[in-house]
Amino acid sequence: MTRKKYTNDFKQQVIQEALETGNNAVVARRYDLNSNMVGRWVREHKKR
């Protein structure tokens, strides 16, 4: 099974929602993603 690739636009949308709500798990469920992945995207975004 190959890894799924997400576009930068999609990641930015997810990151923005996670930052606005403050709840990675809710956003992850909404997009059928793993909450750890959402958290990693948010952490990487904050480092920039």
PDB file of N, CA and C in Angstrom:
ATOM      1  N   MET A   1       0.846  -1.182   0.000  1.00  0.00           N
ATOM      2  CA  MET A   1       0.000   0.000   0.000  1.00  0.00           C
ATOM      3  C   MET A   1       0.893   1.248   0.000  1.00  0.00           C
ATOM      4  N   THR A   2       0.589   2.200  -0.858  1.00  0.00           N
ATOM      5  CA  THR A   2       1.403   3.406  -0.945  1.00  0.00           C
ATOM      6  C   THR A   2       0.883   4.469   0.008  1.00  0.00           C
ATOM      7  N   ARG A   3       1.791   5.347   0.400  1.00  0.00           N
ATOM      8  CA  ARG A   3       1.408   6.439   1.291  1.00  0.00           C
ATOM      9  C   ARG A   3       0.612   7.477   0.520  1.00  0.00           C
ATOM     10  N   LYS A   4      -0.369   8.039   1.186  1.00  0.00           N
ATOM     11  CA  LYS A   4      -1.184   9.072   0.555  1.00  0.00           C
ATOM     12  C   LYS A   4      -0.446  10.404   0.633  1.00  0.00           C
ATOM     13  N   LYS A   5      -0.474  11.136  -0.462  1.00  0.00           N
ATOM     14  CA  LYS A   5       0.149  12.455  -0.494  1.00  0.00           C
ATOM     15  C   LYS A   5      -0.945  13.507  -0.418  1.00  0.00           C
ATOM     16  N   TYR A   6      -0.716  14.500   0.412  1.00  0.00           N
ATOM     17  CA  TYR A   6      -1.680  15.582   0.576  1.00  0.00           C
ATOM     18  C   TYR A   6      -1.089  16.857  -0.016  1.00  0.00           C
ATOM     19  N   THR A   7      -1.931  17.624  -0.683  1.00  0.00           N
ATOM     20  CA  THR A   7      -1.462  18.869  -1.286  1.00  0.00           C
ATOM     21  C   THR A   7      -1.179  19.888  -0.190  1.00  0.00           C
ATOM     22  N   ASN A   8      -0.330  20.849  -0.513  1.00  0.00           N
ATOM     23  CA  ASN A   8      -0.025  21.916   0.442  1.00  0.00           C
ATOM     24  C   ASN A   8      -1.266  22.722   0.779  1.00  0.00           C
ATOM     25  N   ASP A   9      -2.141  22.928  -0.201  1.00  0.00           N
ATOM     26  CA  ASP A   9      -3.380  23.672   0.056  1.00  0.00           C
ATOM     27  C   ASP A   9      -4.248  22.942   1.072  1.00  0.00           C
ATOM     28  N   PHE A  10      -4.355  21.626   0.924  1.00  0.00           N
ATOM     29  CA  PHE A  10      -5.149  20.827   1.857  1.00  0.00           C
ATOM     30  C   PHE A  10      -4.546  20.897   3.256  1.00  0.00           C
ATOM     31  N   LYS A  11      -3.221  20.752   3.347  1.00  0.00           N
ATOM     32  CA  LYS A  11      -2.549  20.816   4.647  1.00  0.00           C
ATOM     33  C   LYS A  11      -2.789  22.169   5.312  1.00  0.00           C
ATOM     34  N   GLN A  12      -2.683  23.248   4.536  1.00  0.00           N
ATOM     35  CA  GLN A  12      -2.893  24.583   5.094  1.00  0.00           C
ATOM     36  C   GLN A  12      -4.314  24.753   5.617  1.00  0.00           C
ATOM     37  N   GLN A  13      -5.280  24.188   4.910  1.00  0.00           N
ATOM     38  CA  GLN A  13      -6.671  24.257   5.353  1.00  0.00           C
ATOM     39  C   GLN A  13      -6.845  23.523   6.680  1.00  0.00           C
ATOM     40  N   VAL A  14      -6.265  22.329   6.780  1.00  0.00           N
ATOM     41  CA  VAL A  14      -6.363  21.533   8.004  1.00  0.00           C
ATOM     42  C   VAL A  14      -5.653  22.249   9.152  1.00  0.00           C
ATOM     43  N   ILE A  15      -4.459  22.776   8.892  1.00  0.00           N
ATOM     44  CA  ILE A  15      -3.694  23.496   9.919  1.00  0.00           C
ATOM     45  C   ILE A  15      -4.487  24.692  10.422  1.00  0.00           C
ATOM     46  N   GLN A  16      -5.067  25.454   9.519  1.00  0.00           N
ATOM     47  CA  GLN A  16      -5.831  26.644   9.905  1.00  0.00           C
ATOM     48  C   GLN A  16      -7.006  26.270  10.799  1.00  0.00           C
ATOM     49  N   GLU A  17      -7.727  25.221  10.438  1.00  0.00           N
ATOM     50  CA  GLU A  17      -8.862  24.788  11.256  1.00  0.00           C
ATOM     51  C   GLU A  17      -8.401  24.289  12.615  1.00  0.00           C
ATOM     52  N   ALA A  18      -7.285  23.570  12.644  1.00  0.00           N
ATOM     53  CA  ALA A  18      -6.764  23.059  13.912  1.00  0.00           C
ATOM     54  C   ALA A  18      -6.354  24.212  14.823  1.00  0.00           C
ATOM     55  N   LEU A  19      -5.743  25.237  14.267  1.00  0.00           N
ATOM     56  CA  LEU A  19      -5.343  26.390  15.070  1.00  0.00           C
ATOM     57  C   LEU A  19      -6.558  27.171  15.565  1.00  0.00           C
ATOM     58  N   GLU A  20      -7.579  27.301  14.726  1.00  0.00           N
ATOM     59  CA  GLU A  20      -8.782  28.042  15.113  1.00  0.00           C
ATOM     60  C   GLU A  20      -9.561  27.329  16.205  1.00  0.00           C
ATOM     61  N   THR A  21      -9.698  26.000  16.078  1.00  0.00           N
ATOM     62  CA  THR A  21     -10.486  25.246  17.055  1.00  0.00           C
ATOM     63  C   THR A  21      -9.670  24.859  18.269  1.00  0.00           C
ATOM     64  N   GLY A  22      -8.356  24.723  18.089  1.00  0.00           N
ATOM     65  CA  GLY A  22      -7.509  24.278  19.187  1.00  0.00           C
ATOM     66  C   GLY A  22      -7.672  22.805  19.494  1.00  0.00           C
ATOM     67  N   ASN A  23      -8.300  22.063  18.578  1.00  0.00           N
ATOM     68  CA  ASN A  23      -8.555  20.647  18.823  1.00  0.00           C
ATOM     69  C   ASN A  23      -8.200  19.838  17.574  1.00  0.00           C
ATOM     70  N   ASN A  24      -7.013  19.228  17.608  1.00  0.00           N
ATOM     71  CA  ASN A  24      -6.555  18.455  16.450  1.00  0.00           C
ATOM     72  C   ASN A  24      -7.429  17.245  16.186  1.00  0.00           C
ATOM     73  N   ALA A  25      -7.929  16.611  17.241  1.00  0.00           N
ATOM     74  CA  ALA A  25      -8.701  15.373  17.082  1.00  0.00           C
ATOM     75  C   ALA A  25      -9.994  15.619  16.308  1.00  0.00           C
ATOM     76  N   VAL A  26     -10.671  16.711  16.606  1.00  0.00           N
ATOM     77  CA  VAL A  26     -11.931  17.020  15.921  1.00  0.00           C
ATOM     78  C   VAL A  26     -11.670  17.272  14.437  1.00  0.00           C
ATOM     79  N   VAL A  27     -10.639  18.039  14.150  1.00  0.00           N
ATOM     80  CA  VAL A  27     -10.296  18.336  12.759  1.00  0.00           C
ATOM     81  C   VAL A  27      -9.880  17.055  12.040  1.00  0.00           C
ATOM     82  N   ALA A  28      -9.104  16.220  12.711  1.00  0.00           N
ATOM     83  CA  ALA A  28      -8.658  14.957  12.111  1.00  0.00           C
ATOM     84  C   ALA A  28      -9.850  14.080  11.762  1.00  0.00           C
ATOM     85  N   ARG A  29     -10.814  13.987  12.670  1.00  0.00           N
ATOM     86  CA  ARG A  29     -12.004  13.169  12.397  1.00  0.00           C
ATOM     87  C   ARG A  29     -12.788  13.730  11.220  1.00  0.00           C
ATOM     88  N   ARG A  30     -12.880  15.043  11.140  1.00  0.00           N
ATOM     89  CA  ARG A  30     -13.637  15.682  10.063  1.00  0.00           C
ATOM     90  C   ARG A  30     -13.064  15.313   8.694  1.00  0.00           C
ATOM     91  N   TYR A  31     -11.742  15.200   8.611  1.00  0.00           N
ATOM     92  CA  TYR A  31     -11.088  14.910   7.333  1.00  0.00           C
ATOM     93  C   TYR A  31     -10.608  13.466   7.228  1.00  0.00           C
ATOM     94  N   ASP A  32     -10.983  12.633   8.180  1.00  0.00           N
ATOM     95  CA  ASP A  32     -10.585  11.220   8.200  1.00  0.00           C
ATOM     96  C   ASP A  32      -9.060  11.079   8.180  1.00  0.00           C
ATOM     97  N   LEU A  33      -8.400  11.820   9.083  1.00  0.00           N
ATOM     98  CA  LEU A  33      -6.949  11.787   9.219  1.00  0.00           C
ATOM     99  C   LEU A  33      -6.586  11.318  10.619  1.00  0.00           C
ATOM    100  N   ASN A  34      -5.319  10.954  10.806  1.00  0.00           N
ATOM    101  CA  ASN A  34      -4.821  10.611  12.127  1.00  0.00           C
ATOM    102  C   ASN A  34      -4.501  11.906  12.872  1.00  0.00           C
ATOM    103  N   SER A  35      -4.924  11.999  14.130  1.00  0.00           N
ATOM    104  CA  SER A  35      -4.716  13.239  14.881  1.00  0.00           C
ATOM    105  C   SER A  35      -3.233  13.527  15.101  1.00  0.00           C
ATOM    106  N   ASN A  36      -2.397  12.486  15.170  1.00  0.00           N
ATOM    107  CA  ASN A  36      -0.953  12.714  15.318  1.00  0.00           C
ATOM    108  C   ASN A  36      -0.378  13.409  14.087  1.00  0.00           C
ATOM    109  N   MET A  37      -0.893  13.066  12.917  1.00  0.00           N
ATOM    110  CA  MET A  37      -0.416  13.696  11.695  1.00  0.00           C
ATOM    111  C   MET A  37      -0.822  15.173  11.677  1.00  0.00           C
ATOM    112  N   VAL A  38      -2.050  15.453  12.083  1.00  0.00           N
ATOM    113  CA  VAL A  38      -2.501  16.846  12.140  1.00  0.00           C
ATOM    114  C   VAL A  38      -1.618  17.624  13.115  1.00  0.00           C
ATOM    115  N   GLY A  39      -1.344  17.024  14.260  1.00  0.00           N
ATOM    116  CA  GLY A  39      -0.481  17.672  15.248  1.00  0.00           C
ATOM    117  C   GLY A  39       0.911  17.943  14.709  1.00  0.00           C
ATOM    118  N   ARG A  40       1.443  16.998  13.943  1.00  0.00           N
ATOM    119  CA  ARG A  40       2.774  17.177  13.346  1.00  0.00           C
ATOM    120  C   ARG A  40       2.750  18.324  12.342  1.00  0.00           C
ATOM    121  N   TRP A  41       1.705  18.396  11.518  1.00  0.00           N
ATOM    122  CA  TRP A  41       1.597  19.491  10.556  1.00  0.00           C
ATOM    123  C   TRP A  41       1.542  20.837  11.272  1.00  0.00           C
ATOM    124  N   VAL A  42       0.783  20.903  12.373  1.00  0.00           N
ATOM    125  CA  VAL A  42       0.651  22.155  13.128  1.00  0.00           C
ATOM    126  C   VAL A  42       1.997  22.543  13.744  1.00  0.00           C
ATOM    127  N   ARG A  43       2.691  21.575  14.353  1.00  0.00           N
ATOM    128  CA  ARG A  43       4.004  21.857  14.956  1.00  0.00           C
ATOM    129  C   ARG A  43       4.991  22.367  13.915  1.00  0.00           C
ATOM    130  N   GLU A  44       5.022  21.706  12.754  1.00  0.00           N
ATOM    131  CA  GLU A  44       5.931  22.131  11.688  1.00  0.00           C
ATOM    132  C   GLU A  44       5.567  23.529  11.186  1.00  0.00           C
ATOM    133  N   HIS A  45       4.288  23.821  11.132  1.00  0.00           N
ATOM    134  CA  HIS A  45       3.829  25.143  10.696  1.00  0.00           C
ATOM    135  C   HIS A  45       4.276  26.218  11.686  1.00  0.00           C
ATOM    136  N   LYS A  46       4.180  25.928  12.979  1.00  0.00           N
ATOM    137  CA  LYS A  46       4.569  26.904  14.005  1.00  0.00           C
ATOM    138  C   LYS A  46       6.071  27.160  14.011  1.00  0.00           C
ATOM    139  N   LYS A  47       6.872  26.175  13.607  1.00  0.00           N
ATOM    140  CA  LYS A  47       8.329  26.340  13.568  1.00  0.00           C
ATOM    141  C   LYS A  47       8.759  27.327  12.494  1.00  0.00           C
ATOM    142  N   ARG A  48       7.966  27.470  11.447  1.00  0.00           N
ATOM    143  CA  ARG A  48       8.327  28.356  10.334  1.00  0.00           C
ATOM    144  C   ARG A  48       8.209  29.797  10.692  1.00  0.00           C
TER     145      ARG A  48
END
